[in-house]
Amino acid sequence: MLDSADVLAPAQRLLSLNFMFTEKCNLKCVYCPQFSENRPMMDTPPELLRTIVDYIVRNRIPAAGVGFYGETLCFKGWEGYIRALLDAGVSMSLCSNWNHKLTAEEARVLSRFSLLQFSIDTTDQDLLRALRPPADARTIIYNMHLIRSQAIVNDNPAPTIMWCSVLSQRIIPHLCNFIAMAVSNGVNRISFNEIEYYKESSRELLSIFDLQGSDFVAAADAIEGMDLLAKKNGVEITYAFNSFLDVVKARKAQELSQHVQMHGDDSSKMCRLPVKGIQGTSSHLSLAATTIAPDENQRRTRLCLAPWTSAYILADGTVCTCCVRGKSMGRITANIDLDAVLQGELYREFRWRLLTGNIIDNACLACPVTPIVQAEELLYQVNNLLGNYVDEI
């Protein structure tokens, strides 16, 4: 039997720890607020990087990720820190824009990763450069093959490669070519993310769900055609939320019936919520079927174990619960270590809110990733994670 304090504490050992080398980036993507921020971008101090690496190795954390914010490859000497983690048996993942000429040693280190995510959006060279200046598709794809070749030379398993794209109206006409290029390059995993609107970023790009009438129908046709081509060629596609294709088809049927306003099944209705994320506050697309309504509080919650099993550390030592939710849960300093933050009051309150369904954070209420469940289900999963069981908290 556990008391409430036990289930509000983190797991004895995290399953993953995510950190960044720098806030700086070598691209100026039109939908990203980062390059418009009126402040200097900082590197993670060497002493904090050493603290993080030592923590992961000492606590035998099985997995670590880098690159959820800022461009890792811009940081001189990143490979030395990562090599220490790989030598300790840590499974590594990286998300990068890959617009960097890799050294032989960087390619060797990257060939030992478990997962490499390529933020590429499109393989149409002119469009890619317009959306993510000064990105070059040739550099990105060459780097991918260079890393794979190093895995062959060094007789280690090649990393899983995933291409990642922000789905906007500009790339819709190029979707099938994007899939075909992925297939021709041996890539069988692609992730499409929903565009977020920031006040600092350009509004020249639109979510497909902000298109109307024939524009939306054309976008839906392109997405359905792309999805069929992907399935035919064994490409696994992940969309922004699980019911994405169903919602697209339902909205298309409504547009073809000339019912511009959403009607019928409320689960397909959408709105936008302000969500404070790591990159700032965005206007986040919220789907009724994947959002917890205010009147459901204390009954339903998110099946999210992240506050118990993982953490994200920013360049200044700020600790966040995930790569989306930007609220600080504390900060690592010379006098405060990560364990103190994970055991702190802010984390305990956040875990309590999840366990009891008292969620007040829009980032969690509208999370497109984690399923909505009864609060009892999350408690059951937490206790399975902790290896214990309680009746209630």
Foldseek 3Di string as FASTA:
>chain_A
DDDLLVLLFFAPAFQEEEEEQWQAAPWDFQQFLSVLDPDDIGGFDPVVLVQVLCVCLVRVRQEYEYALHHARVVHPPSLVSLVSCVVSNHAYEYEHCQQDDDDLSRLLSLQSHAEYEHAQAALPQVVSCVRINPDGSVRNLVSLVSSPVSCVVVVHDGHQYEYEHEDWLVCLVRLQVRLVVCLVSVHQEYEYAYRWHDPSGDPPTDGLVPDAAPSNLSSLVSVVVSVVSSVVSNHDYHYNADCVNVLSVVCNVCSVVVNGDDDDDQQSDWDWDFAQFQSGTTGHIFGNVAFDDPVCAQWKAFLDSQLRHYWYAYSQQFIDSDRTHNDGQDGDDPVDHPSCSSSDPSSSVVSVCRLRRVDDHRCGRRRRPTHMDTSVVSQVVSCVSNVHDDDGD
